[in-house]
Amino acid sequence: MAETEKPRISDADMLARFQGSKKRPPCSDTLGMTLTEVEQDAMRIRMDFDVPGMFANPTGAVQGGFISAMLDEAMSTCVIIASNVTMTAPTLEMKTSFLRRLMPGKAHVEARILRLGKSAAFMEADCFGPDGELVAKATATAIPMPFKRLG
């Protein structure tokens, strides 16, 4: 291990660290997010969401921007976890395909990193409704950079 490299945190410890964080971003709370699974070596995570009724559009379904935000949250967090909390990954571009509507309530997102390089991260994520049906898919490119809190 290089002098500047942090010791690897186990999946269970990483999950507990994120679940018990006192520095959780407000956007995670707004989205109703709970990190439920971590597989650092596979560069994969799962987040559960309790989607509030205030995210509904005039038809009663969840507005697509909120689904995109859930997908983006999961993919970005996946990079943070895969890097052992040394990197963050601001999204450069993202494409979301909506396959069916999502109603307020329970949902989950599975995110994975396809390739994590020094200058780019390629990610994808799937959003599932409470019945396990695929609701939306996203792919994204992000730029890895050292993790530090701003402000």
Protein backbone atom coordinates (compact mmCIF):
# COMPACT_ATOMS: atom_id res chain seq x y z
CA MET A 1 0.00 0.00 0.00
CA ALA A 2 1.37 3.42 -0.94
CA GLU A 3 1.95 5.92 1.85
CA THR A 4 -0.97 8.12 0.77
CA GLU A 5 -3.37 5.24 0.13
CA LYS A 6 -6.05 4.70 2.76
CA PRO A 7 -6.58 1.20 4.19
CA ARG A 8 -9.49 -0.53 2.41
CA ILE A 9 -12.78 -0.33 4.32
CA SER A 10 -14.79 -3.57 4.28
CA ASP A 11 -18.17 -3.61 2.53
CA ALA A 12 -19.99 -3.99 5.85
CA ASP A 13 -18.05 -1.12 7.45
CA MET A 14 -18.56 1.06 4.37
CA LEU A 15 -22.31 0.42 4.47
CA ALA A 16 -22.44 1.23 8.20
CA ARG A 17 -20.37 4.37 7.64
CA PHE A 18 -22.76 5.71 5.01
CA GLN A 19 -25.90 4.69 6.90
CA GLY A 20 -24.69 6.37 10.10
CA SER A 21 -23.19 9.49 8.54
CA LYS A 22 -23.89 12.80 10.25
CA LYS A 23 -22.68 14.64 7.10
CA ARG A 24 -25.34 13.24 4.80
CA PRO A 25 -26.18 15.67 1.99
CA PRO A 26 -29.68 17.20 2.20
CA CYS A 27 -30.42 16.02 -1.35
CA SER A 28 -30.15 12.39 -0.16
CA ASP A 29 -32.78 13.06 2.50
CA THR A 30 -35.02 14.89 0.03
CA LEU A 31 -34.91 11.86 -2.29
CA GLY A 32 -35.69 9.51 0.61
CA MET A 33 -32.46 7.54 -0.01
CA THR A 34 -31.05 4.69 2.07
CA LEU A 35 -27.90 2.87 0.98
CA THR A 36 -28.68 -0.85 1.41
CA GLU A 37 -25.95 -2.82 -0.40
CA VAL A 38 -22.26 -2.27 -1.14
CA GLU A 39 -19.96 -4.42 -3.26
CA GLN A 40 -16.74 -2.44 -3.60
CA ASP A 41 -14.80 -5.03 -5.60
CA ALA A 42 -17.68 -5.39 -8.09
CA MET A 43 -18.10 -1.57 -8.06
CA ARG A 44 -21.82 -1.97 -7.41
CA ILE A 45 -24.31 -0.53 -4.91
CA ARG A 46 -28.02 -0.56 -4.21
CA MET A 47 -30.03 2.31 -2.80
CA ASP A 48 -33.62 2.13 -1.60
CA PHE A 49 -35.84 5.18 -1.98
CA ASP A 50 -39.03 6.21 -0.23
CA VAL A 51 -40.34 8.52 -2.95
CA PRO A 52 -42.62 11.23 -1.52
CA GLY A 53 -45.96 12.19 -3.06
CA MET A 54 -44.69 15.72 -3.65
CA PHE A 55 -42.57 14.28 -6.52
CA ALA A 56 -45.71 13.43 -8.49
CA ASN A 57 -46.60 15.12 -11.76
CA PRO A 58 -50.23 16.04 -12.63
CA THR A 59 -51.01 12.38 -13.54
CA GLY A 60 -49.88 11.15 -10.12
CA ALA A 61 -46.69 9.45 -11.38
CA VAL A 62 -43.23 10.50 -10.23
CA GLN A 63 -41.84 13.28 -12.45
CA GLY A 64 -38.89 12.02 -14.51
CA GLY A 65 -36.42 14.55 -13.17
CA PHE A 66 -36.70 13.03 -9.72
CA ILE A 67 -36.10 9.54 -11.11
CA SER A 68 -33.03 10.91 -12.92
CA ALA A 69 -31.83 12.45 -9.65
CA MET A 70 -32.18 9.07 -7.91
CA LEU A 71 -30.17 7.38 -10.67
CA ASP A 72 -27.49 10.12 -10.59
CA GLU A 73 -27.24 9.93 -6.78
CA ALA A 74 -26.64 6.19 -6.95
CA MET A 75 -24.03 6.35 -9.72
CA SER A 76 -22.05 9.15 -8.06
CA THR A 77 -22.14 7.41 -4.68
CA CYS A 78 -20.94 4.24 -6.36
CA VAL A 79 -17.72 6.02 -7.42
CA ILE A 80 -17.19 7.43 -3.92
CA ILE A 81 -17.53 3.95 -2.42
CA ALA A 82 -15.48 2.14 -5.10
CA SER A 83 -12.64 4.63 -4.54
CA ASN A 84 -12.64 3.96 -0.78
CA VAL A 85 -13.98 7.51 -0.22
CA THR A 86 -10.96 9.13 -1.89
CA MET A 87 -12.70 10.30 -5.09
CA THR A 88 -15.92 11.95 -6.10
CA ALA A 89 -17.32 12.03 -9.61
CA PRO A 90 -19.25 15.06 -10.83
CA THR A 91 -21.48 14.02 -13.72
CA LEU A 92 -20.43 15.33 -17.14
CA GLU A 93 -23.35 13.85 -19.07
CA MET A 94 -26.22 11.49 -18.37
CA LYS A 95 -28.85 9.77 -20.49
CA THR A 96 -32.03 8.40 -18.93
CA SER A 97 -34.54 6.13 -20.62
CA PHE A 98 -37.96 5.89 -18.99
CA LEU A 99 -39.62 2.51 -19.56
CA ARG A 100 -42.74 2.76 -17.40
CA ARG A 101 -44.16 5.08 -14.80
CA LEU A 102 -43.21 5.05 -11.14
CA MET A 103 -45.74 5.95 -8.50
CA PRO A 104 -44.74 7.58 -5.19
CA GLY A 105 -43.70 5.03 -2.58
CA LYS A 106 -40.94 2.44 -2.56
CA ALA A 107 -38.31 2.13 -5.31
CA HIS A 108 -34.70 1.04 -5.55
CA VAL A 109 -31.74 1.76 -7.78
CA GLU A 110 -28.86 -0.55 -8.61
CA ALA A 111 -25.77 1.29 -9.85
CA ARG A 112 -22.48 -0.02 -11.18
CA ILE A 113 -19.28 1.34 -12.63
CA LEU A 114 -18.39 0.02 -16.05
CA ARG A 115 -14.94 1.63 -16.09
CA LEU A 116 -13.20 3.84 -13.56
CA GLY A 117 -10.17 5.58 -15.01
CA LYS A 118 -8.08 8.58 -14.00
CA SER A 119 -9.88 11.02 -16.29
CA ALA A 120 -13.34 9.45 -16.73
CA ALA A 121 -15.80 7.14 -15.03
CA PHE A 122 -18.45 5.30 -17.05
CA MET A 123 -21.48 4.22 -15.04
CA GLU A 124 -24.95 2.79 -15.44
CA ALA A 125 -27.95 2.39 -13.16
CA ASP A 126 -31.40 0.81 -13.18
CA CYS A 127 -34.44 2.03 -11.23
CA PHE A 128 -37.03 -0.51 -10.12
CA GLY A 129 -40.53 0.02 -8.76
CA PRO A 130 -41.97 -1.72 -5.69
CA ASP A 131 -43.01 -4.72 -7.81
CA GLY A 132 -39.43 -5.22 -9.08
CA GLU A 133 -40.32 -4.00 -12.59
CA LEU A 134 -37.67 -1.93 -14.38
CA VAL A 135 -38.82 1.71 -14.47
CA ALA A 136 -35.80 3.55 -15.93
CA LYS A 137 -32.21 3.06 -17.05
CA ALA A 138 -29.39 5.58 -17.11
CA THR A 139 -25.84 5.79 -18.33
CA ALA A 140 -23.44 8.53 -17.33
CA THR A 141 -19.92 9.79 -17.71
CA ALA A 142 -18.25 11.56 -14.82
CA ILE A 143 -14.87 13.07 -14.04
CA PRO A 144 -13.14 11.51 -11.01
CA MET A 145 -11.50 14.01 -8.70
CA PRO A 146 -10.19 13.96 -5.12
CA PHE A 147 -13.00 13.87 -2.55
CA LYS A 148 -13.28 17.03 -0.50
CA ARG A 149 -16.23 18.88 0.93
CA LEU A 150 -16.84 22.32 -0.51
CA GLY A 151 -18.15 25.32 1.39
